Amino acid sequence: LSDFIPTLRKPITCDVHTPAIDAFELLVRHGISGLAIVDSEGKMQAALSAKDLRLVLRSGNVASLALPAIDYLRSAPSSPSPTVPPSVSLYHLFDRFVASGSHRLFVAETGGKLIG
C-alpha cells in the first residue's frame, strides 16, 4: 500500500467535538458515505457513516444530533474504527476488507495519525 500513498486522497474528517448533525452535513456536502472522527492530534477515534443516522430513526431522539459526533456514536453499539497501516500489502488489505465486512478502511500511521 505504501506504493500508493502519494495518490491517497486526504480523508474527510471531523473533530471529536463536532456536533453529529454537522458531521452528517459534511457527508452530504462532500458526497461521501463515511468520514473519520479524529482527536486534536489527528488520530482516528471512530468512523461515522450515513447509516449511523438510523440511531435517530430508531430512538426518535432528534436532540441526540446536537451531541458531539463521538458521543452520538457511543450511544449505540458499534464496531472498531477500520484502520490499516501504510505498510500493509494489497493482499492483507483485501483480507482486511473481507474479514471486517467493511467497504471503507482508513490508513493510519503507527501512532494512529490518519493519513488516508
PDB file of N, CA and C in Angstrom:
ATOM      1  N   LEU A   1       0.827  -1.195   0.000  1.00  0.00           N
ATOM      2  CA  LEU A   1       0.000   0.000   0.000  1.00  0.00           C
ATOM      3  C   LEU A   1       0.866   1.251   0.000  1.00  0.00           C
ATOM      4  N   SER A   2       2.049   1.168   0.593  1.00  0.00           N
ATOM      5  CA  SER A   2       2.901   2.353   0.671  1.00  0.00           C
ATOM      6  C   SER A   2       3.275   2.867  -0.712  1.00  0.00           C
ATOM      7  N   ASP A   3       3.237   2.006  -1.731  1.00  0.00           N
ATOM      8  CA  ASP A   3       3.494   2.462  -3.104  1.00  0.00           C
ATOM      9  C   ASP A   3       2.411   3.419  -3.587  1.00  0.00           C
ATOM     10  N   PHE A   4       1.235   3.341  -3.000  1.00  0.00           N
ATOM     11  CA  PHE A   4       0.117   4.156  -3.431  1.00  0.00           C
ATOM     12  C   PHE A   4      -0.107   5.395  -2.566  1.00  0.00           C
ATOM     13  N   ILE A   5       0.681   5.562  -1.502  1.00  0.00           N
ATOM     14  CA  ILE A   5       0.495   6.673  -0.566  1.00  0.00           C
ATOM     15  C   ILE A   5       0.416   8.030  -1.259  1.00  0.00           C
ATOM     16  N   PRO A   6       1.281   8.327  -2.238  1.00  0.00           N
ATOM     17  CA  PRO A   6       1.184   9.652  -2.878  1.00  0.00           C
ATOM     18  C   PRO A   6      -0.159   9.900  -3.558  1.00  0.00           C
ATOM     19  N   THR A   7      -0.878   8.835  -3.925  1.00  0.00           N
ATOM     20  CA  THR A   7      -2.154   9.016  -4.621  1.00  0.00           C
ATOM     21  C   THR A   7      -3.362   8.934  -3.689  1.00  0.00           C
ATOM     22  N   LEU A   8      -3.137   8.686  -2.405  1.00  0.00           N
ATOM     23  CA  LEU A   8      -4.255   8.616  -1.465  1.00  0.00           C
ATOM     24  C   LEU A   8      -4.912   9.983  -1.319  1.00  0.00           C
ATOM     25  N   ARG A   9      -6.222   9.974  -1.272  1.00  0.00           N
ATOM     26  CA  ARG A   9      -6.954  11.205  -1.018  1.00  0.00           C
ATOM     27  C   ARG A   9      -6.909  11.517   0.457  1.00  0.00           C
ATOM     28  N   LYS A  10      -6.787  12.791   0.771  1.00  0.00           N
ATOM     29  CA  LYS A  10      -6.866  13.199   2.170  1.00  0.00           C
ATOM     30  C   LYS A  10      -8.289  12.891   2.642  1.00  0.00           C
ATOM     31  N   PRO A  11      -8.420  12.149   3.728  1.00  0.00           N
ATOM     32  CA  PRO A  11      -9.767  11.775   4.171  1.00  0.00           C
ATOM     33  C   PRO A  11     -10.547  12.983   4.709  1.00  0.00           C
ATOM     34  N   ILE A  12     -11.834  12.935   4.526  1.00  0.00           N
ATOM     35  CA  ILE A  12     -12.722  13.941   5.120  1.00  0.00           C
ATOM     36  C   ILE A  12     -12.876  13.548   6.583  1.00  0.00           C
ATOM     37  N   THR A  13     -12.615  14.494   7.468  1.00  0.00           N
ATOM     38  CA  THR A  13     -12.669  14.221   8.902  1.00  0.00           C
ATOM     39  C   THR A  13     -13.474  15.287   9.625  1.00  0.00           C
ATOM     40  N   CYS A  14     -13.800  14.988  10.848  1.00  0.00           N
ATOM     41  CA  CYS A  14     -14.343  15.994  11.757  1.00  0.00           C
ATOM     42  C   CYS A  14     -13.714  15.751  13.115  1.00  0.00           C
ATOM     43  N   ASP A  15     -13.689  16.789  13.916  1.00  0.00           N
ATOM     44  CA  ASP A  15     -13.139  16.740  15.258  1.00  0.00           C
ATOM     45  C   ASP A  15     -14.115  16.011  16.181  1.00  0.00           C
ATOM     46  N   VAL A  16     -13.601  15.438  17.253  1.00  0.00           N
ATOM     47  CA  VAL A  16     -14.459  14.718  18.204  1.00  0.00           C
ATOM     48  C   VAL A  16     -15.542  15.612  18.822  1.00  0.00           C
ATOM     49  N   HIS A  17     -15.330  16.919  18.794  1.00  0.00           N
ATOM     50  CA  HIS A  17     -16.299  17.837  19.393  1.00  0.00           C
ATOM     51  C   HIS A  17     -17.346  18.341  18.402  1.00  0.00           C
ATOM     52  N   THR A  18     -17.210  17.988  17.135  1.00  0.00           N
ATOM     53  CA  THR A  18     -18.163  18.424  16.110  1.00  0.00           C
ATOM     54  C   THR A  18     -19.529  17.816  16.391  1.00  0.00           C
ATOM     55  N   PRO A  19     -20.588  18.629  16.408  1.00  0.00           N
ATOM     56  CA  PRO A  19     -21.927  18.062  16.604  1.00  0.00           C
ATOM     57  C   PRO A  19     -22.252  17.039  15.505  1.00  0.00           C
ATOM     58  N   ALA A  20     -22.950  15.999  15.873  1.00  0.00           N
ATOM     59  CA  ALA A  20     -23.301  14.935  14.927  1.00  0.00           C
ATOM     60  C   ALA A  20     -24.015  15.494  13.700  1.00  0.00           C
ATOM     61  N   ILE A  21     -24.914  16.435  13.896  1.00  0.00           N
ATOM     62  CA  ILE A  21     -25.653  16.996  12.759  1.00  0.00           C
ATOM     63  C   ILE A  21     -24.695  17.641  11.766  1.00  0.00           C
ATOM     64  N   ASP A  22     -23.645  18.302  12.258  1.00  0.00           N
ATOM     65  CA  ASP A  22     -22.661  18.921  11.371  1.00  0.00           C
ATOM     66  C   ASP A  22     -21.816  17.860  10.657  1.00  0.00           C
ATOM     67  N   ALA A  23     -21.532  16.762  11.337  1.00  0.00           N
ATOM     68  CA  ALA A  23     -20.773  15.677  10.711  1.00  0.00           C
ATOM     69  C   ALA A  23     -21.592  15.048   9.580  1.00  0.00           C
ATOM     70  N   PHE A  24     -22.882  14.854   9.813  1.00  0.00           N
ATOM     71  CA  PHE A  24     -23.739  14.310   8.753  1.00  0.00           C
ATOM     72  C   PHE A  24     -23.833  15.286   7.581  1.00  0.00           C
ATOM     73  N   GLU A  25     -23.825  16.583   7.887  1.00  0.00           N
ATOM     74  CA  GLU A  25     -23.869  17.588   6.827  1.00  0.00           C
ATOM     75  C   GLU A  25     -22.606  17.516   5.975  1.00  0.00           C
ATOM     76  N   LEU A  26     -21.459  17.202   6.596  1.00  0.00           N
ATOM     77  CA  LEU A  26     -20.215  17.023   5.840  1.00  0.00           C
ATOM     78  C   LEU A  26     -20.336  15.868   4.844  1.00  0.00           C
ATOM     79  N   LEU A  27     -21.007  14.801   5.255  1.00  0.00           N
ATOM     80  CA  LEU A  27     -21.213  13.674   4.341  1.00  0.00           C
ATOM     81  C   LEU A  27     -21.960  14.137   3.091  1.00  0.00           C
ATOM     82  N   VAL A  28     -23.013  14.899   3.309  1.00  0.00           N
ATOM     83  CA  VAL A  28     -23.821  15.388   2.187  1.00  0.00           C
ATOM     84  C   VAL A  28     -23.017  16.358   1.327  1.00  0.00           C
ATOM     85  N   ARG A  29     -22.357  17.318   1.972  1.00  0.00           N
ATOM     86  CA  ARG A  29     -21.614  18.346   1.239  1.00  0.00           C
ATOM     87  C   ARG A  29     -20.521  17.756   0.358  1.00  0.00           C
ATOM     88  N   HIS A  30     -19.849  16.706   0.851  1.00  0.00           N
ATOM     89  CA  HIS A  30     -18.743  16.116   0.103  1.00  0.00           C
ATOM     90  C   HIS A  30     -19.163  14.909  -0.740  1.00  0.00           C
ATOM     91  N   GLY A  31     -20.435  14.543  -0.672  1.00  0.00           N
ATOM     92  CA  GLY A  31     -20.920  13.414  -1.464  1.00  0.00           C
ATOM     93  C   GLY A  31     -20.260  12.103  -1.096  1.00  0.00           C
ATOM     94  N   ILE A  32     -20.066  11.893   0.211  1.00  0.00           N
ATOM     95  CA  ILE A  32     -19.411  10.676   0.694  1.00  0.00           C
ATOM     96  C   ILE A  32     -20.353   9.937   1.631  1.00  0.00           C
ATOM     97  N   SER A  33     -20.035   8.680   1.903  1.00  0.00           N
ATOM     98  CA  SER A  33     -20.904   7.896   2.784  1.00  0.00           C
ATOM     99  C   SER A  33     -20.315   7.694   4.169  1.00  0.00           C
ATOM    100  N   GLY A  34     -19.075   8.154   4.383  1.00  0.00           N
ATOM    101  CA  GLY A  34     -18.470   7.995   5.694  1.00  0.00           C
ATOM    102  C   GLY A  34     -17.304   8.937   5.886  1.00  0.00           C
ATOM    103  N   LEU A  35     -17.004   9.222   7.150  1.00  0.00           N
ATOM    104  CA  LEU A  35     -15.874  10.081   7.480  1.00  0.00           C
ATOM    105  C   LEU A  35     -15.247   9.621   8.777  1.00  0.00           C
ATOM    106  N   ALA A  36     -14.037  10.093   9.008  1.00  0.00           N
ATOM    107  CA  ALA A  36     -13.304   9.737  10.225  1.00  0.00           C
ATOM    108  C   ALA A  36     -13.496  10.832  11.265  1.00  0.00           C
ATOM    109  N   ILE A  37     -13.673  10.424  12.501  1.00  0.00           N
ATOM    110  CA  ILE A  37     -13.723  11.361  13.621  1.00  0.00           C
ATOM    111  C   ILE A  37     -12.353  11.291  14.281  1.00  0.00           C
ATOM    112  N   VAL A  38     -11.662  12.443  14.344  1.00  0.00           N
ATOM    113  CA  VAL A  38     -10.292  12.471  14.843  1.00  0.00           C
ATOM    114  C   VAL A  38     -10.161  13.366  16.070  1.00  0.00           C
ATOM    115  N   ASP A  39      -9.126  13.086  16.868  1.00  0.00           N
ATOM    116  CA  ASP A  39      -8.849  13.933  18.026  1.00  0.00           C
ATOM    117  C   ASP A  39      -7.970  15.106  17.595  1.00  0.00           C
ATOM    118  N   SER A  40      -7.532  15.904  18.550  1.00  0.00           N
ATOM    119  CA  SER A  40      -6.753  17.107  18.244  1.00  0.00           C
ATOM    120  C   SER A  40      -5.394  16.791  17.619  1.00  0.00           C
ATOM    121  N   GLU A  41      -4.930  15.552  17.737  1.00  0.00           N
ATOM    122  CA  GLU A  41      -3.656  15.148  17.142  1.00  0.00           C
ATOM    123  C   GLU A  41      -3.839  14.482  15.779  1.00  0.00           C
ATOM    124  N   GLY A  42      -5.082  14.425  15.297  1.00  0.00           N
ATOM    125  CA  GLY A  42      -5.356  13.795  14.009  1.00  0.00           C
ATOM    126  C   GLY A  42      -5.468  12.288  14.077  1.00  0.00           C
ATOM    127  N   LYS A  43      -5.579  11.746  15.295  1.00  0.00           N
ATOM    128  CA  LYS A  43      -5.695  10.296  15.458  1.00  0.00           C
ATOM    129  C   LYS A  43      -7.160   9.893  15.380  1.00  0.00           C
ATOM    130  N   MET A  44      -7.408   8.863  14.601  1.00  0.00           N
ATOM    131  CA  MET A  44      -8.778   8.404  14.398  1.00  0.00           C
ATOM    132  C   MET A  44      -9.355   7.819  15.678  1.00  0.00           C
ATOM    133  N   GLN A  45     -10.558   8.277  16.012  1.00  0.00           N
ATOM    134  CA  GLN A  45     -11.253   7.788  17.197  1.00  0.00           C
ATOM    135  C   GLN A  45     -12.452   6.923  16.839  1.00  0.00           C
ATOM    136  N   ALA A  46     -13.063   7.220  15.690  1.00  0.00           N
ATOM    137  CA  ALA A  46     -14.248   6.476  15.252  1.00  0.00           C
ATOM    138  C   ALA A  46     -14.523   6.811  13.804  1.00  0.00           C
ATOM    139  N   ALA A  47     -15.433   6.064  13.211  1.00  0.00           N
ATOM    140  CA  ALA A  47     -15.892   6.336  11.847  1.00  0.00           C
ATOM    141  C   ALA A  47     -17.395   6.549  11.886  1.00  0.00           C
ATOM    142  N   LEU A  48     -17.843   7.575  11.206  1.00  0.00           N
ATOM    143  CA  LEU A  48     -19.278   7.887  11.115  1.00  0.00           C
ATOM    144  C   LEU A  48     -19.710   7.627   9.687  1.00  0.00           C
ATOM    145  N   SER A  49     -20.812   6.932   9.511  1.00  0.00           N
ATOM    146  CA  SER A  49     -21.314   6.685   8.160  1.00  0.00           C
ATOM    147  C   SER A  49     -22.770   7.125   8.068  1.00  0.00           C
ATOM    148  N   ALA A  50     -23.226   7.238   6.848  1.00  0.00           N
ATOM    149  CA  ALA A  50     -24.606   7.660   6.623  1.00  0.00           C
ATOM    150  C   ALA A  50     -25.587   6.727   7.329  1.00  0.00           C
ATOM    151  N   LYS A  51     -25.250   5.456   7.413  1.00  0.00           N
ATOM    152  CA  LYS A  51     -26.182   4.528   8.059  1.00  0.00           C
ATOM    153  C   LYS A  51     -26.272   4.749   9.576  1.00  0.00           C
ATOM    154  N   ASP A  52     -25.326   5.505  10.145  1.00  0.00           N
ATOM    155  CA  ASP A  52     -25.410   5.809  11.577  1.00  0.00           C
ATOM    156  C   ASP A  52     -26.572   6.749  11.895  1.00  0.00           C
ATOM    157  N   LEU A  53     -27.143   7.349  10.889  1.00  0.00           N
ATOM    158  CA  LEU A  53     -28.305   8.206  11.110  1.00  0.00           C
ATOM    159  C   LEU A  53     -29.492   7.392  11.620  1.00  0.00           C
ATOM    160  N   ARG A  54     -29.445   6.086  11.410  1.00  0.00           N
ATOM    161  CA  ARG A  54     -30.538   5.226  11.883  1.00  0.00           C
ATOM    162  C   ARG A  54     -30.692   5.258  13.403  1.00  0.00           C
ATOM    163  N   LEU A  55     -29.631   5.673  14.119  1.00  0.00           N
ATOM    164  CA  LEU A  55     -29.737   5.781  15.575  1.00  0.00           C
ATOM    165  C   LEU A  55     -30.872   6.727  15.958  1.00  0.00           C
ATOM    166  N   VAL A  56     -30.993   7.830  15.222  1.00  0.00           N
ATOM    167  CA  VAL A  56     -32.062   8.792  15.490  1.00  0.00           C
ATOM    168  C   VAL A  56     -33.399   8.202  15.088  1.00  0.00           C
ATOM    169  N   LEU A  57     -33.422   7.513  13.962  1.00  0.00           N
ATOM    170  CA  LEU A  57     -34.668   6.937  13.487  1.00  0.00           C
ATOM    171  C   LEU A  57     -35.203   5.893  14.456  1.00  0.00           C
ATOM    172  N   ARG A  58     -34.303   5.099  15.026  1.00  0.00           N
ATOM    173  CA  ARG A  58     -34.723   4.071  15.986  1.00  0.00           C
ATOM    174  C   ARG A  58     -35.209   4.672  17.301  1.00  0.00           C
ATOM    175  N   SER A  59     -34.479   5.668  17.795  1.00  0.00           N
ATOM    176  CA  SER A  59     -34.791   6.222  19.111  1.00  0.00           C
ATOM    177  C   SER A  59     -35.824   7.333  19.064  1.00  0.00           C
ATOM    178  N   GLY A  60     -35.918   8.006  17.916  1.00  0.00           N
ATOM    179  CA  GLY A  60     -36.803   9.160  17.820  1.00  0.00           C
ATOM    180  C   GLY A  60     -36.245  10.369  18.547  1.00  0.00           C
ATOM    181  N   ASN A  61     -35.025  10.275  19.019  1.00  0.00           N
ATOM    182  CA  ASN A  61     -34.387  11.333  19.795  1.00  0.00           C
ATOM    183  C   ASN A  61     -33.583  12.256  18.875  1.00  0.00           C
ATOM    184  N   VAL A  62     -34.263  13.188  18.230  1.00  0.00           N
ATOM    185  CA  VAL A  62     -33.621  14.114  17.299  1.00  0.00           C
ATOM    186  C   VAL A  62     -32.597  14.981  18.032  1.00  0.00           C
ATOM    187  N   ALA A  63     -32.821  15.246  19.309  1.00  0.00           N
ATOM    188  CA  ALA A  63     -31.903  16.074  20.089  1.00  0.00           C
ATOM    189  C   ALA A  63     -30.504  15.454  20.169  1.00  0.00           C
ATOM    190  N   SER A  64     -30.390  14.131  19.973  1.00  0.00           N
ATOM    191  CA  SER A  64     -29.080  13.485  20.036  1.00  0.00           C
ATOM    192  C   SER A  64     -28.162  13.964  18.921  1.00  0.00           C
ATOM    193  N   LEU A  65     -28.716  14.541  17.871  1.00  0.00           N
ATOM    194  CA  LEU A  65     -27.897  15.071  16.782  1.00  0.00           C
ATOM    195  C   LEU A  65     -27.081  16.289  17.213  1.00  0.00           C
ATOM    196  N   ALA A  66     -27.447  16.895  18.343  1.00  0.00           N
ATOM    197  CA  ALA A  66     -26.684  18.035  18.872  1.00  0.00           C
ATOM    198  C   ALA A  66     -25.462  17.571  19.667  1.00  0.00           C
ATOM    199  N   LEU A  67     -25.411  16.285  20.006  1.00  0.00           N
ATOM    200  CA  LEU A  67     -24.266  15.750  20.743  1.00  0.00           C
ATOM    201  C   LEU A  67     -23.020  15.779  19.870  1.00  0.00           C
ATOM    202  N   PRO A  68     -21.840  15.853  20.489  1.00  0.00           N
ATOM    203  CA  PRO A  68     -20.618  15.668  19.699  1.00  0.00           C
ATOM    204  C   PRO A  68     -20.715  14.320  18.971  1.00  0.00           C
ATOM    205  N   ALA A  69     -20.219  14.271  17.752  1.00  0.00           N
ATOM    206  CA  ALA A  69     -20.340  13.056  16.932  1.00  0.00           C
ATOM    207  C   ALA A  69     -19.826  11.817  17.662  1.00  0.00           C
ATOM    208  N   ILE A  70     -18.739  11.945  18.394  1.00  0.00           N
ATOM    209  CA  ILE A  70     -18.177  10.798  19.098  1.00  0.00           C
ATOM    210  C   ILE A  70     -19.147  10.289  20.168  1.00  0.00           C
ATOM    211  N   ASP A  71     -19.835  11.189  20.875  1.00  0.00           N
ATOM    212  CA  ASP A  71     -20.814  10.787  21.884  1.00  0.00           C
ATOM    213  C   ASP A  71     -22.062  10.212  21.232  1.00  0.00           C
ATOM    214  N   TYR A  72     -22.448  10.775  20.101  1.00  0.00           N
ATOM    215  CA  TYR A  72     -23.588  10.257  19.342  1.00  0.00           C
ATOM    216  C   TYR A  72     -23.343   8.784  19.001  1.00  0.00           C
ATOM    217  N   LEU A  73     -22.134   8.477  18.527  1.00  0.00           N
ATOM    218  CA  LEU A  73     -21.816   7.099  18.163  1.00  0.00           C
ATOM    219  C   LEU A  73     -21.734   6.186  19.380  1.00  0.00           C
ATOM    220  N   ARG A  74     -21.301   6.722  20.502  1.00  0.00           N
ATOM    221  CA  ARG A  74     -21.185   5.906  21.723  1.00  0.00           C
ATOM    222  C   ARG A  74     -22.551   5.499  22.260  1.00  0.00           C
ATOM    223  N   SER A  75     -23.605   6.159  21.795  1.00  0.00           N
ATOM    224  CA  SER A  75     -24.942   5.843  22.287  1.00  0.00           C
ATOM    225  C   SER A  75     -25.482   4.544  21.700  1.00  0.00           C
ATOM    226  N   ALA A  76     -24.724   3.919  20.806  1.00  0.00           N
ATOM    227  CA  ALA A  76     -25.156   2.652  20.211  1.00  0.00           C
ATOM    228  C   ALA A  76     -23.941   1.751  20.015  1.00  0.00           C
ATOM    229  N   PRO A  77     -24.151   0.442  20.041  1.00  0.00           N
ATOM    230  CA  PRO A  77     -23.029  -0.460  19.819  1.00  0.00           C
ATOM    231  C   PRO A  77     -22.451  -0.247  18.424  1.00  0.00           C
ATOM    232  N   SER A  78     -21.147  -0.280  18.322  1.00  0.00           N
ATOM    233  CA  SER A  78     -20.517  -0.128  17.017  1.00  0.00           C
ATOM    234  C   SER A  78     -19.265  -0.977  16.943  1.00  0.00           C
ATOM    235  N   SER A  79     -18.737  -1.096  15.749  1.00  0.00           N
ATOM    236  CA  SER A  79     -17.510  -1.861  15.566  1.00  0.00           C
ATOM    237  C   SER A  79     -16.318  -0.924  15.646  1.00  0.00           C
ATOM    238  N   PRO A  80     -15.128  -1.457  15.871  1.00  0.00           N
ATOM    239  CA  PRO A  80     -13.948  -0.601  15.963  1.00  0.00           C
ATOM    240  C   PRO A  80     -13.693   0.150  14.659  1.00  0.00           C
ATOM    241  N   SER A  81     -12.994   1.263  14.769  1.00  0.00           N
ATOM    242  CA  SER A  81     -12.661   2.049  13.590  1.00  0.00           C
ATOM    243  C   SER A  81     -11.756   1.235  12.670  1.00  0.00           C
ATOM    244  N   PRO A  82     -12.139   1.128  11.406  1.00  0.00           N
ATOM    245  CA  PRO A  82     -11.361   0.304  10.478  1.00  0.00           C
ATOM    246  C   PRO A  82     -10.126   1.035   9.948  1.00  0.00           C
ATOM    247  N   THR A  83      -8.938   0.702  10.481  1.00  0.00           N
ATOM    248  CA  THR A  83      -7.702   1.329  10.016  1.00  0.00           C
ATOM    249  C   THR A  83      -6.689   0.267   9.623  1.00  0.00           C
ATOM    250  N   VAL A  84      -5.792   0.656   8.730  1.00  0.00           N
ATOM    251  CA  VAL A  84      -4.679  -0.194   8.325  1.00  0.00           C
ATOM    252  C   VAL A  84      -3.429   0.678   8.293  1.00  0.00           C
ATOM    253  N   PRO A  85      -2.243   0.082   8.490  1.00  0.00           N
ATOM    254  CA  PRO A  85      -1.003   0.862   8.397  1.00  0.00           C
ATOM    255  C   PRO A  85      -0.623   1.065   6.933  1.00  0.00           C
ATOM    256  N   PRO A  86       0.168   2.097   6.630  1.00  0.00           N
ATOM    257  CA  PRO A  86       0.581   2.328   5.248  1.00  0.00           C
ATOM    258  C   PRO A  86       1.435   1.193   4.683  1.00  0.00           C
ATOM    259  N   SER A  87       2.024   0.395   5.551  1.00  0.00           N
ATOM    260  CA  SER A  87       2.886  -0.699   5.095  1.00  0.00           C
ATOM    261  C   SER A  87       2.120  -1.961   4.707  1.00  0.00           C
ATOM    262  N   VAL A  88       0.813  -1.976   4.864  1.00  0.00           N
ATOM    263  CA  VAL A  88       0.031  -3.179   4.585  1.00  0.00           C
ATOM    264  C   VAL A  88       0.132  -3.540   3.100  1.00  0.00           C
ATOM    265  N   SER A  89       0.248  -4.837   2.833  1.00  0.00           N
ATOM    266  CA  SER A  89       0.297  -5.298   1.438  1.00  0.00           C
ATOM    267  C   SER A  89      -1.121  -5.298   0.874  1.00  0.00           C
ATOM    268  N   LEU A  90      -1.228  -5.274  -0.442  1.00  0.00           N
ATOM    269  CA  LEU A  90      -2.553  -5.318  -1.058  1.00  0.00           C
ATOM    270  C   LEU A  90      -3.288  -6.597  -0.678  1.00  0.00           C
ATOM    271  N   TYR A  91      -2.551  -7.706  -0.600  1.00  0.00           N
ATOM    272  CA  TYR A  91      -3.165  -8.971  -0.199  1.00  0.00           C
ATOM    273  C   TYR A  91      -3.812  -8.834   1.180  1.00  0.00           C
ATOM    274  N   HIS A  92      -3.051  -8.290   2.147  1.00  0.00           N
ATOM    275  CA  HIS A  92      -3.579  -8.140   3.507  1.00  0.00           C
ATOM    276  C   HIS A  92      -4.668  -7.067   3.572  1.00  0.00           C
ATOM    277  N   LEU A  93      -4.573  -6.078   2.705  1.00  0.00           N
ATOM    278  CA  LEU A  93      -5.625  -5.062   2.640  1.00  0.00           C
ATOM    279  C   LEU A  93      -6.952  -5.704   2.237  1.00  0.00           C
ATOM    280  N   PHE A  94      -6.921  -6.503   1.175  1.00  0.00           N
ATOM    281  CA  PHE A  94      -8.143  -7.178   0.734  1.00  0.00           C
ATOM    282  C   PHE A  94      -8.637  -8.164   1.782  1.00  0.00           C
ATOM    283  N   ASP A  95      -7.703  -8.834   2.436  1.00  0.00           N
ATOM    284  CA  ASP A  95      -8.067  -9.751   3.509  1.00  0.00           C
ATOM    285  C   ASP A  95      -8.784  -8.995   4.632  1.00  0.00           C
ATOM    286  N   ARG A  96      -8.299  -7.811   4.942  1.00  0.00           N
ATOM    287  CA  ARG A  96      -8.919  -6.992   5.997  1.00  0.00           C
ATOM    288  C   ARG A  96     -10.332  -6.552   5.598  1.00  0.00           C
ATOM    289  N   PHE A  97     -10.505  -6.203   4.307  1.00  0.00           N
ATOM    290  CA  PHE A  97     -11.850  -5.853   3.828  1.00  0.00           C
ATOM    291  C   PHE A  97     -12.802  -7.021   4.043  1.00  0.00           C
ATOM    292  N   VAL A  98     -12.368  -8.196   3.655  1.00  0.00           N
ATOM    293  CA  VAL A  98     -13.221  -9.379   3.782  1.00  0.00           C
ATOM    294  C   VAL A  98     -13.495  -9.698   5.244  1.00  0.00           C
ATOM    295  N   ALA A  99     -12.451  -9.675   6.071  1.00  0.00           N
ATOM    296  CA  ALA A  99     -12.598 -10.026   7.489  1.00  0.00           C
ATOM    297  C   ALA A  99     -13.474  -9.034   8.246  1.00  0.00           C
ATOM    298  N   SER A 100     -13.364  -7.746   7.910  1.00  0.00           N
ATOM    299  CA  SER A 100     -14.121  -6.737   8.649  1.00  0.00           C
ATOM    300  C   SER A 100     -15.533  -6.559   8.121  1.00  0.00           C
ATOM    301  N   GLY A 101     -15.771  -7.000   6.887  1.00  0.00           N
ATOM    302  CA  GLY A 101     -17.080  -6.785   6.287  1.00  0.00           C
ATOM    303  C   GLY A 101     -17.301  -5.329   5.919  1.00  0.00           C
ATOM    304  N   SER A 102     -16.243  -4.565   5.941  1.00  0.00           N
ATOM    305  CA  SER A 102     -16.332  -3.136   5.661  1.00  0.00           C
ATOM    306  C   SER A 102     -16.034  -2.870   4.191  1.00  0.00           C
ATOM    307  N   HIS A 103     -16.529  -1.756   3.703  1.00  0.00           N
ATOM    308  CA  HIS A 103     -16.172  -1.339   2.347  1.00  0.00           C
ATOM    309  C   HIS A 103     -15.299  -0.086   2.391  1.00  0.00           C
ATOM    310  N   ARG A 104     -14.897   0.299   3.597  1.00  0.00           N
ATOM    311  CA  ARG A 104     -14.086   1.502   3.791  1.00  0.00           C
ATOM    312  C   ARG A 104     -13.048   1.225   4.869  1.00  0.00           C
ATOM    313  N   LEU A 105     -11.789   1.490   4.554  1.00  0.00           N
ATOM    314  CA  LEU A 105     -10.714   1.394   5.530  1.00  0.00           C
ATOM    315  C   LEU A 105      -9.926   2.699   5.484  1.00  0.00           C
ATOM    316  N   PHE A 106      -9.439   3.135   6.621  1.00  0.00           N
ATOM    317  CA  PHE A 106      -8.641   4.348   6.714  1.00  0.00           C
ATOM    318  C   PHE A 106      -7.186   3.957   6.935  1.00  0.00           C
ATOM    319  N   VAL A 107      -6.268   4.744   6.379  1.00  0.00           N
ATOM    320  CA  VAL A 107      -4.842   4.473   6.537  1.00  0.00           C
ATOM    321  C   VAL A 107      -4.312   5.362   7.649  1.00  0.00           C
ATOM    322  N   ALA A 108      -3.701   4.735   8.650  1.00  0.00           N
ATOM    323  CA  ALA A 108      -3.174   5.471   9.797  1.00  0.00           C
ATOM    324  C   ALA A 108      -1.729   5.070  10.057  1.00  0.00           C
ATOM    325  N   GLU A 109      -0.930   6.066  10.434  1.00  0.00           N
ATOM    326  CA  GLU A 109       0.466   5.817  10.801  1.00  0.00           C
ATOM    327  C   GLU A 109       0.505   5.009  12.088  1.00  0.00           C
ATOM    328  N   THR A 110       1.690   4.537  12.462  1.00  0.00           N
ATOM    329  CA  THR A 110       1.853   3.723  13.663  1.00  0.00           C
ATOM    330  C   THR A 110       1.298   4.413  14.904  1.00  0.00           C
ATOM    331  N   GLY A 111       1.500   5.709  15.051  1.00  0.00           N
ATOM    332  CA  GLY A 111       0.980   6.439  16.203  1.00  0.00           C
ATOM    333  C   GLY A 111      -0.506   6.680  16.160  1.00  0.00           C
ATOM    334  N   GLY A 112      -1.154   6.305  15.054  1.00  0.00           N
ATOM    335  CA  GLY A 112      -2.594   6.463  14.935  1.00  0.00           C
ATOM    336  C   GLY A 112      -3.048   7.655  14.128  1.00  0.00           C
ATOM    337  N   LYS A 113      -2.088   8.516  13.689  1.00  0.00           N
ATOM    338  CA  LYS A 113      -2.480   9.688  12.916  1.00  0.00           C
ATOM    339  C   LYS A 113      -2.982   9.261  11.541  1.00  0.00           C
ATOM    340  N   LEU A 114      -4.144   9.765  11.190  1.00  0.00           N
ATOM    341  CA  LEU A 114      -4.790   9.425   9.929  1.00  0.00           C
ATOM    342  C   LEU A 114      -4.085  10.098   8.756  1.00  0.00           C
ATOM    343  N   ILE A 115      -3.796   9.314   7.705  1.00  0.00           N
ATOM    344  CA  ILE A 115      -3.135   9.894   6.533  1.00  0.00           C
ATOM    345  C   ILE A 115      -3.881   9.616   5.230  1.00  0.00           C
ATOM    346  N   GLY A 116      -4.861   8.749   5.250  1.00  0.00           N
ATOM    347  CA  GLY A 116      -5.581   8.472   4.009  1.00  0.00           C
ATOM    348  C   GLY A 116      -6.753   7.559   4.202  1.00  0.00           C
TER     349      GLY A 116
END
